[in-house]
Amino acid sequence: MKTALYLIITTTVIIAQGLAMASADPRMGPDRIDLQGDAFATLRNPFWPVRYKPASEAEKIESSKIADLKAKISWPALPLRGLTHAGGKNYIAIIEGVGLVEAGDIVVIEQDTLIYRWMIDRVTGAGVSSTRLDVTEKRDK
């Protein structure tokens, strides 16, 4: 009983001394921590992936401009001219201006001043499934 009382009193005194020292230190205190300042803004979040860096305001503006441009581009339809059976369950598509393509091929079509690229995902008897890859401008040689 005497040992437990001694332990409680000692712990209370140590905690009280720590609180007194913390309140006496001018660096410690709720009014001394600036959570909105420049120094706080440059701190790294420990939950970010390795080598991750958040986008700056300039990068955010640039990416929004790119998104606006992508929305304005109208992709032409893939000029599919036919399908042919290649044996087994395989089919081949005939694309105008490109030729025969199968699943996994990349189709490049130039139209006006732009170059469009598609990835052929699947060719079946019902048609062609493709993914739009990118659009670039033609470069003058």
C-alpha atoms as a PDB file:
ATOM      1  CA  MET A   1       0.000   0.000   0.000  1.00  0.00           C
ATOM      2  CA  LYS A   2       2.810   2.362   0.925  1.00  0.00           C
ATOM      3  CA  THR A   3       4.651   1.501  -2.330  1.00  0.00           C
ATOM      4  CA  ALA A   4       1.548   2.146  -4.461  1.00  0.00           C
ATOM      5  CA  LEU A   5       1.001   5.519  -2.760  1.00  0.00           C
ATOM      6  CA  TYR A   6       4.661   6.426  -3.304  1.00  0.00           C
ATOM      7  CA  LEU A   7       4.367   5.467  -6.992  1.00  0.00           C
ATOM      8  CA  ILE A   8       1.217   7.581  -7.498  1.00  0.00           C
ATOM      9  CA  ILE A   9       2.744  10.639  -5.804  1.00  0.00           C
ATOM     10  CA  THR A  10       5.999  10.318  -7.771  1.00  0.00           C
ATOM     11  CA  THR A  11       4.155   9.957 -11.092  1.00  0.00           C
ATOM     12  CA  THR A  12       1.958  12.960 -10.307  1.00  0.00           C
ATOM     13  CA  VAL A  13       4.992  15.108  -9.438  1.00  0.00           C
ATOM     14  CA  ILE A  14       6.813  14.100 -12.634  1.00  0.00           C
ATOM     15  CA  ILE A  15       3.772  14.885 -14.809  1.00  0.00           C
ATOM     16  CA  ALA A  16       3.254  18.236 -13.054  1.00  0.00           C
ATOM     17  CA  GLN A  17       6.919  19.186 -13.582  1.00  0.00           C
ATOM     18  CA  GLY A  18       6.701  18.253 -17.267  1.00  0.00           C
ATOM     19  CA  LEU A  19       3.574  20.355 -17.745  1.00  0.00           C
ATOM     20  CA  ALA A  20       5.179  23.286 -15.933  1.00  0.00           C
ATOM     21  CA  MET A  21       8.279  23.070 -18.122  1.00  0.00           C
ATOM     22  CA  ALA A  22       6.176  22.826 -21.283  1.00  0.00           C
ATOM     23  CA  SER A  23       4.095  25.868 -20.381  1.00  0.00           C
ATOM     24  CA  ALA A  24       7.244  27.851 -19.474  1.00  0.00           C
ATOM     25  CA  ASP A  25       8.892  27.142 -22.854  1.00  0.00           C
ATOM     26  CA  PRO A  26       7.914  29.941 -25.293  1.00  0.00           C
ATOM     27  CA  ARG A  27       8.264  27.577 -28.277  1.00  0.00           C
ATOM     28  CA  MET A  28       5.611  25.296 -26.864  1.00  0.00           C
ATOM     29  CA  GLY A  29       2.075  26.481 -26.789  1.00  0.00           C
ATOM     30  CA  PRO A  30      -0.982  26.562 -28.982  1.00  0.00           C
ATOM     31  CA  ASP A  31      -0.393  30.158 -30.079  1.00  0.00           C
ATOM     32  CA  ARG A  32       3.141  29.397 -31.314  1.00  0.00           C
ATOM     33  CA  ILE A  33       2.309  26.671 -33.864  1.00  0.00           C
ATOM     34  CA  ASP A  34       1.529  28.041 -37.330  1.00  0.00           C
ATOM     35  CA  LEU A  35      -0.355  25.310 -39.200  1.00  0.00           C
ATOM     36  CA  GLN A  36      -1.107  27.551 -42.190  1.00  0.00           C
ATOM     37  CA  GLY A  37       2.371  28.959 -42.836  1.00  0.00           C
ATOM     38  CA  ASP A  38       4.847  28.234 -45.603  1.00  0.00           C
ATOM     39  CA  ALA A  39       6.950  25.936 -43.419  1.00  0.00           C
ATOM     40  CA  PHE A  40       3.981  23.712 -42.672  1.00  0.00           C
ATOM     41  CA  ALA A  41       2.954  23.602 -46.353  1.00  0.00           C
ATOM     42  CA  THR A  42       6.299  22.060 -47.349  1.00  0.00           C
ATOM     43  CA  LEU A  43       6.067  19.178 -44.877  1.00  0.00           C
ATOM     44  CA  ARG A  44       5.721  15.725 -46.335  1.00  0.00           C
ATOM     45  CA  ASN A  45       2.655  13.676 -45.463  1.00  0.00           C
ATOM     46  CA  PRO A  46       3.901  10.333 -44.091  1.00  0.00           C
ATOM     47  CA  PHE A  47       1.115   8.450 -45.890  1.00  0.00           C
ATOM     48  CA  TRP A  48       2.153   9.595 -49.394  1.00  0.00           C
ATOM     49  CA  PRO A  49       3.795   6.969 -51.614  1.00  0.00           C
ATOM     50  CA  VAL A  50       7.566   7.038 -52.053  1.00  0.00           C
ATOM     51  CA  ARG A  51       8.734   9.847 -54.404  1.00  0.00           C
ATOM     52  CA  TYR A  52       5.214  11.347 -54.533  1.00  0.00           C
ATOM     53  CA  LYS A  53       5.061  15.112 -54.750  1.00  0.00           C
ATOM     54  CA  PRO A  54       1.740  16.966 -54.835  1.00  0.00           C
ATOM     55  CA  ALA A  55       1.083  19.075 -57.919  1.00  0.00           C
ATOM     56  CA  SER A  56       1.829  22.772 -57.655  1.00  0.00           C
ATOM     57  CA  GLU A  57      -0.783  25.373 -58.539  1.00  0.00           C
ATOM     58  CA  ALA A  58       0.859  25.931 -61.959  1.00  0.00           C
ATOM     59  CA  GLU A  59       0.732  22.187 -62.698  1.00  0.00           C
ATOM     60  CA  LYS A  60      -2.935  22.046 -61.645  1.00  0.00           C
ATOM     61  CA  ILE A  61      -3.777  24.906 -64.012  1.00  0.00           C
ATOM     62  CA  GLU A  62      -1.814  23.261 -66.854  1.00  0.00           C
ATOM     63  CA  SER A  63      -3.556  19.912 -66.329  1.00  0.00           C
ATOM     64  CA  SER A  64      -6.969  21.626 -66.355  1.00  0.00           C
ATOM     65  CA  LYS A  65      -6.081  23.273 -69.685  1.00  0.00           C
ATOM     66  CA  ILE A  66      -5.076  19.878 -71.084  1.00  0.00           C
ATOM     67  CA  ALA A  67      -8.358  18.359 -69.875  1.00  0.00           C
ATOM     68  CA  ASP A  68     -10.274  21.171 -71.627  1.00  0.00           C
ATOM     69  CA  LEU A  69      -8.362  20.537 -74.852  1.00  0.00           C
ATOM     70  CA  LYS A  70      -9.023  16.790 -74.652  1.00  0.00           C
ATOM     71  CA  ALA A  71     -12.731  17.474 -74.243  1.00  0.00           C
ATOM     72  CA  LYS A  72     -12.720  19.629 -77.396  1.00  0.00           C
ATOM     73  CA  ILE A  73     -11.066  16.963 -79.588  1.00  0.00           C
ATOM     74  CA  SER A  74     -13.600  14.932 -81.501  1.00  0.00           C
ATOM     75  CA  TRP A  75     -12.295  11.472 -82.237  1.00  0.00           C
ATOM     76  CA  PRO A  76     -13.210  10.131 -85.658  1.00  0.00           C
ATOM     77  CA  ALA A  77     -14.776   6.702 -85.910  1.00  0.00           C
ATOM     78  CA  LEU A  78     -12.384   3.876 -86.659  1.00  0.00           C
ATOM     79  CA  PRO A  79     -12.858   3.257 -90.408  1.00  0.00           C
ATOM     80  CA  LEU A  80     -13.752  -0.437 -90.112  1.00  0.00           C
ATOM     81  CA  ARG A  81     -14.330  -1.999 -93.547  1.00  0.00           C
ATOM     82  CA  GLY A  82     -14.849  -5.589 -92.565  1.00  0.00           C
ATOM     83  CA  LEU A  83     -14.088  -8.599 -90.405  1.00  0.00           C
ATOM     84  CA  THR A  84     -12.636 -11.926 -91.431  1.00  0.00           C
ATOM     85  CA  HIS A  85     -12.306 -15.225 -89.621  1.00  0.00           C
ATOM     86  CA  ALA A  86      -8.686 -16.207 -89.035  1.00  0.00           C
ATOM     87  CA  GLY A  87      -9.228 -19.757 -87.779  1.00  0.00           C
ATOM     88  CA  GLY A  88     -10.286 -21.040 -84.397  1.00  0.00           C
ATOM     89  CA  LYS A  89     -11.793 -18.245 -82.352  1.00  0.00           C
ATOM     90  CA  ASN A  90      -9.576 -15.573 -83.931  1.00  0.00           C
ATOM     91  CA  TYR A  91     -10.850 -12.742 -86.082  1.00  0.00           C
ATOM     92  CA  ILE A  92      -9.036 -10.041 -88.036  1.00  0.00           C
ATOM     93  CA  ALA A  93     -10.430  -6.562 -88.768  1.00  0.00           C
ATOM     94  CA  ILE A  94      -9.884  -4.643 -91.979  1.00  0.00           C
ATOM     95  CA  ILE A  95      -9.286  -0.938 -91.255  1.00  0.00           C
ATOM     96  CA  GLU A  96      -9.335   1.467 -94.201  1.00  0.00           C
ATOM     97  CA  GLY A  97      -5.931   3.033 -94.774  1.00  0.00           C
ATOM     98  CA  VAL A  98      -4.249   0.647 -92.314  1.00  0.00           C
ATOM     99  CA  GLY A  99      -4.981  -2.888 -93.455  1.00  0.00           C
ATOM    100  CA  LEU A 100      -5.447  -6.043 -91.401  1.00  0.00           C
ATOM    101  CA  VAL A 101      -5.284  -5.691 -87.626  1.00  0.00           C
ATOM    102  CA  GLU A 102      -5.803  -8.068 -84.727  1.00  0.00           C
ATOM    103  CA  ALA A 103      -6.058  -7.774 -80.954  1.00  0.00           C
ATOM    104  CA  GLY A 104      -3.020  -6.021 -79.464  1.00  0.00           C
ATOM    105  CA  ASP A 105      -2.217  -3.936 -82.568  1.00  0.00           C
ATOM    106  CA  ILE A 106      -1.986  -0.158 -82.490  1.00  0.00           C
ATOM    107  CA  VAL A 107      -3.819   1.701 -85.256  1.00  0.00           C
ATOM    108  CA  VAL A 108      -2.522   5.134 -86.338  1.00  0.00           C
ATOM    109  CA  ILE A 109      -4.715   7.393 -88.488  1.00  0.00           C
ATOM    110  CA  GLU A 110      -3.814  10.893 -89.671  1.00  0.00           C
ATOM    111  CA  GLN A 111      -6.663  13.315 -90.158  1.00  0.00           C
ATOM    112  CA  ASP A 112      -6.255  17.042 -90.883  1.00  0.00           C
ATOM    113  CA  THR A 113      -3.378  18.190 -88.638  1.00  0.00           C
ATOM    114  CA  LEU A 114      -3.787  15.501 -85.973  1.00  0.00           C
ATOM    115  CA  ILE A 115      -2.555  11.923 -85.534  1.00  0.00           C
ATOM    116  CA  TYR A 116      -4.927   9.578 -83.662  1.00  0.00           C
ATOM    117  CA  ARG A 117      -3.826   6.293 -82.058  1.00  0.00           C
ATOM    118  CA  TRP A 118      -6.017   3.392 -80.924  1.00  0.00           C
ATOM    119  CA  MET A 119      -5.164   0.083 -79.257  1.00  0.00           C
ATOM    120  CA  ILE A 120      -7.225  -2.810 -80.641  1.00  0.00           C
ATOM    121  CA  ASP A 121      -8.448  -4.662 -77.544  1.00  0.00           C
ATOM    122  CA  ARG A 122     -10.573  -7.386 -79.111  1.00  0.00           C
ATOM    123  CA  VAL A 123     -11.780  -8.448 -82.541  1.00  0.00           C
ATOM    124  CA  THR A 124     -14.830 -10.706 -82.603  1.00  0.00           C
ATOM    125  CA  GLY A 125     -17.442 -11.664 -85.128  1.00  0.00           C
ATOM    126  CA  ALA A 126     -19.620  -8.885 -83.699  1.00  0.00           C
ATOM    127  CA  GLY A 127     -17.069  -6.104 -84.199  1.00  0.00           C
ATOM    128  CA  VAL A 128     -13.954  -4.397 -82.874  1.00  0.00           C
ATOM    129  CA  SER A 129     -13.329  -3.184 -79.335  1.00  0.00           C
ATOM    130  CA  SER A 130     -10.647  -0.473 -79.092  1.00  0.00           C
ATOM    131  CA  THR A 131      -9.156   1.987 -76.618  1.00  0.00           C
ATOM    132  CA  ARG A 132      -8.226   5.551 -77.534  1.00  0.00           C
ATOM    133  CA  LEU A 133      -4.566   6.110 -76.717  1.00  0.00           C
ATOM    134  CA  ASP A 134      -3.617   9.657 -77.689  1.00  0.00           C
ATOM    135  CA  VAL A 135      -3.812  12.503 -80.166  1.00  0.00           C
ATOM    136  CA  THR A 136      -0.756  14.424 -81.334  1.00  0.00           C
ATOM    137  CA  GLU A 137      -0.167  17.171 -83.848  1.00  0.00           C
ATOM    138  CA  LYS A 138       1.662  16.452 -87.082  1.00  0.00           C
ATOM    139  CA  ARG A 139       5.171  17.862 -87.049  1.00  0.00           C
ATOM    140  CA  ASP A 140       6.574  19.640 -90.067  1.00  0.00           C
ATOM    141  CA  LYS A 141       9.686  17.967 -91.425  1.00  0.00           C
END
